[in-house]
Amino acid sequence: MAVDNYGDKTSFVSVTCWRKLAENVAEYMEKGRQVGVTGELVQDRWEKDGEKRSKIKINARNVKFLSY
């Protein structure tokens, strides 16, 4: 998901959906379509080649398709 940060910056956040929600999102989602996502914000942390890394993602409970 791309998030506009009120300027020249855009943040990208991974969103994970499961079961019927995942099926609906896969069927109706289009690039550029606006959505509202509610769920749990999760920070994954791991180490690769001795370097600590992290990533923010959302485990979605609900995705609402907004107007174009």
N, C-alpha and C. Protein backbone atom coordinates (compact mmCIF):
# COMPACT_ATOMS: atom_id res chain seq x y z
N MET A 1 0.85 -1.15 0.00
CA MET A 1 0.00 0.00 0.00
C MET A 1 0.90 1.22 0.00
N ALA A 2 0.59 2.21 -0.83
CA ALA A 2 1.33 3.46 -0.87
C ALA A 2 0.60 4.50 -0.03
N VAL A 3 1.35 5.22 0.79
CA VAL A 3 0.77 6.23 1.68
C VAL A 3 1.38 7.58 1.34
N ASP A 4 0.54 8.56 0.96
CA ASP A 4 1.00 9.90 0.65
C ASP A 4 1.32 10.64 1.94
N ASN A 5 2.52 11.19 2.03
CA ASN A 5 2.95 11.88 3.25
C ASN A 5 2.89 13.40 3.10
N TYR A 6 1.88 13.90 2.40
CA TYR A 6 1.65 15.34 2.25
C TYR A 6 2.88 16.07 1.74
N GLY A 7 3.37 15.66 0.64
CA GLY A 7 4.53 16.31 0.05
C GLY A 7 5.09 15.45 -1.05
N ASP A 8 6.40 15.50 -1.17
CA ASP A 8 7.06 14.75 -2.23
C ASP A 8 7.37 13.31 -1.83
N LYS A 9 7.07 12.94 -0.59
CA LYS A 9 7.44 11.60 -0.12
C LYS A 9 6.24 10.67 -0.11
N THR A 10 6.50 9.42 -0.46
CA THR A 10 5.50 8.37 -0.40
C THR A 10 6.09 7.21 0.39
N SER A 11 5.33 6.67 1.32
CA SER A 11 5.76 5.50 2.08
C SER A 11 5.01 4.28 1.57
N PHE A 12 5.69 3.14 1.58
CA PHE A 12 5.07 1.89 1.15
C PHE A 12 4.99 0.95 2.34
N VAL A 13 3.79 0.44 2.61
CA VAL A 13 3.55 -0.43 3.75
C VAL A 13 2.94 -1.74 3.22
N SER A 14 3.51 -2.86 3.63
CA SER A 14 2.95 -4.15 3.24
C SER A 14 1.68 -4.41 4.04
N VAL A 15 0.68 -4.98 3.38
CA VAL A 15 -0.59 -5.34 4.02
C VAL A 15 -0.84 -6.82 3.77
N THR A 16 -1.10 -7.57 4.84
CA THR A 16 -1.39 -8.99 4.73
C THR A 16 -2.86 -9.24 5.01
N CYS A 17 -3.53 -9.93 4.09
CA CYS A 17 -4.93 -10.28 4.24
C CYS A 17 -5.06 -11.79 4.21
N TRP A 18 -6.07 -12.33 4.88
CA TRP A 18 -6.28 -13.77 4.95
C TRP A 18 -7.70 -14.12 4.56
N ARG A 19 -7.90 -15.34 4.13
CA ARG A 19 -9.19 -15.97 3.87
C ARG A 19 -10.05 -15.16 2.89
N LYS A 20 -11.32 -14.97 3.22
CA LYS A 20 -12.27 -14.30 2.33
C LYS A 20 -11.84 -12.85 2.05
N LEU A 21 -11.27 -12.19 3.05
CA LEU A 21 -10.79 -10.82 2.83
C LEU A 21 -9.73 -10.81 1.73
N ALA A 22 -8.82 -11.76 1.76
CA ALA A 22 -7.78 -11.84 0.74
C ALA A 22 -8.38 -12.10 -0.64
N GLU A 23 -9.40 -12.95 -0.70
CA GLU A 23 -10.06 -13.24 -1.98
C GLU A 23 -10.72 -11.99 -2.55
N ASN A 24 -11.41 -11.22 -1.70
CA ASN A 24 -12.07 -9.99 -2.15
C ASN A 24 -11.06 -8.95 -2.62
N VAL A 25 -10.00 -8.78 -1.87
CA VAL A 25 -8.98 -7.80 -2.25
C VAL A 25 -8.34 -8.21 -3.58
N ALA A 26 -8.03 -9.49 -3.74
CA ALA A 26 -7.42 -9.97 -4.98
C ALA A 26 -8.35 -9.74 -6.18
N GLU A 27 -9.65 -9.88 -5.97
CA GLU A 27 -10.59 -9.73 -7.07
C GLU A 27 -10.85 -8.27 -7.45
N TYR A 28 -10.96 -7.38 -6.46
CA TYR A 28 -11.41 -6.02 -6.73
C TYR A 28 -10.32 -4.95 -6.67
N MET A 29 -9.16 -5.25 -6.13
CA MET A 29 -8.11 -4.24 -5.99
C MET A 29 -7.49 -3.93 -7.34
N GLU A 30 -7.25 -2.65 -7.58
CA GLU A 30 -6.56 -2.19 -8.78
C GLU A 30 -5.51 -1.19 -8.35
N LYS A 31 -4.43 -1.11 -9.10
CA LYS A 31 -3.38 -0.14 -8.80
C LYS A 31 -3.98 1.27 -8.81
N GLY A 32 -3.68 2.03 -7.77
CA GLY A 32 -4.16 3.40 -7.67
C GLY A 32 -5.51 3.53 -6.97
N ARG A 33 -6.17 2.43 -6.69
CA ARG A 33 -7.48 2.49 -6.02
C ARG A 33 -7.29 2.84 -4.55
N GLN A 34 -8.12 3.74 -4.05
CA GLN A 34 -8.03 4.16 -2.66
C GLN A 34 -8.75 3.17 -1.76
N VAL A 35 -8.10 2.83 -0.65
CA VAL A 35 -8.69 1.91 0.32
C VAL A 35 -8.43 2.42 1.73
N GLY A 36 -9.28 2.02 2.63
CA GLY A 36 -9.07 2.23 4.06
C GLY A 36 -8.79 0.88 4.68
N VAL A 37 -7.72 0.77 5.45
CA VAL A 37 -7.32 -0.51 6.04
C VAL A 37 -7.32 -0.38 7.56
N THR A 38 -7.98 -1.33 8.23
CA THR A 38 -7.88 -1.42 9.69
C THR A 38 -7.29 -2.77 10.02
N GLY A 39 -6.50 -2.79 11.08
CA GLY A 39 -5.88 -4.04 11.48
C GLY A 39 -4.79 -3.79 12.50
N GLU A 40 -3.89 -4.73 12.59
CA GLU A 40 -2.81 -4.68 13.57
C GLU A 40 -1.51 -4.24 12.89
N LEU A 41 -0.87 -3.23 13.46
CA LEU A 41 0.42 -2.75 12.97
C LEU A 41 1.51 -3.61 13.60
N VAL A 42 2.36 -4.20 12.76
CA VAL A 42 3.37 -5.14 13.22
C VAL A 42 4.74 -4.70 12.70
N GLN A 43 5.75 -4.81 13.56
CA GLN A 43 7.12 -4.54 13.12
C GLN A 43 7.89 -5.84 13.13
N ASP A 44 8.25 -6.31 11.93
CA ASP A 44 9.09 -7.51 11.81
C ASP A 44 10.54 -7.09 11.97
N ARG A 45 11.30 -7.89 12.70
CA ARG A 45 12.73 -7.61 12.89
C ARG A 45 13.51 -8.87 12.59
N TRP A 46 14.63 -8.73 11.90
CA TRP A 46 15.50 -9.85 11.59
C TRP A 46 16.92 -9.34 11.35
N GLU A 47 17.82 -10.28 11.22
CA GLU A 47 19.21 -9.94 10.98
C GLU A 47 19.66 -10.65 9.71
N LYS A 48 20.28 -9.90 8.81
CA LYS A 48 20.77 -10.46 7.55
C LYS A 48 22.21 -10.01 7.35
N ASP A 49 23.09 -10.97 7.16
CA ASP A 49 24.51 -10.69 6.96
C ASP A 49 25.08 -9.82 8.09
N GLY A 50 24.63 -10.08 9.32
CA GLY A 50 25.11 -9.35 10.47
C GLY A 50 24.50 -7.96 10.64
N GLU A 51 23.58 -7.60 9.76
CA GLU A 51 22.96 -6.27 9.81
C GLU A 51 21.51 -6.41 10.28
N LYS A 52 21.14 -5.63 11.30
CA LYS A 52 19.78 -5.66 11.82
C LYS A 52 18.86 -4.91 10.87
N ARG A 53 17.70 -5.52 10.61
CA ARG A 53 16.71 -4.92 9.71
C ARG A 53 15.33 -4.98 10.35
N SER A 54 14.43 -4.13 9.85
CA SER A 54 13.06 -4.17 10.32
C SER A 54 12.14 -3.66 9.22
N LYS A 55 10.88 -4.03 9.35
CA LYS A 55 9.88 -3.63 8.36
C LYS A 55 8.54 -3.52 9.06
N ILE A 56 7.81 -2.46 8.75
CA ILE A 56 6.47 -2.25 9.29
C ILE A 56 5.46 -2.85 8.31
N LYS A 57 4.46 -3.58 8.83
CA LYS A 57 3.39 -4.10 7.98
C LYS A 57 2.08 -4.06 8.75
N ILE A 58 0.98 -4.26 8.02
CA ILE A 58 -0.34 -4.29 8.63
C ILE A 58 -0.95 -5.66 8.38
N ASN A 59 -1.40 -6.32 9.45
CA ASN A 59 -2.21 -7.53 9.33
C ASN A 59 -3.65 -7.05 9.30
N ALA A 60 -4.25 -7.04 8.12
CA ALA A 60 -5.56 -6.42 7.91
C ALA A 60 -6.69 -7.23 8.52
N ARG A 61 -7.61 -6.53 9.18
CA ARG A 61 -8.86 -7.13 9.63
C ARG A 61 -9.99 -6.74 8.69
N ASN A 62 -9.86 -5.54 8.11
CA ASN A 62 -10.89 -5.03 7.20
C ASN A 62 -10.25 -4.12 6.16
N VAL A 63 -10.71 -4.23 4.93
CA VAL A 63 -10.30 -3.34 3.86
C VAL A 63 -11.56 -2.76 3.25
N LYS A 64 -11.67 -1.44 3.27
CA LYS A 64 -12.83 -0.77 2.70
C LYS A 64 -12.40 -0.08 1.40
N PHE A 65 -13.10 -0.41 0.33
CA PHE A 65 -12.81 0.22 -0.94
C PHE A 65 -13.49 1.59 -0.98
N LEU A 66 -12.70 2.62 -1.23
CA LEU A 66 -13.20 3.98 -1.25
C LEU A 66 -13.47 4.40 -2.70
N SER A 67 -14.04 5.58 -2.87
CA SER A 67 -14.34 6.06 -4.23
C SER A 67 -13.05 6.29 -5.01
N TYR A 68 -13.18 6.29 -6.31
CA TYR A 68 -12.02 6.50 -7.19
C TYR A 68 -11.56 7.92 -7.11
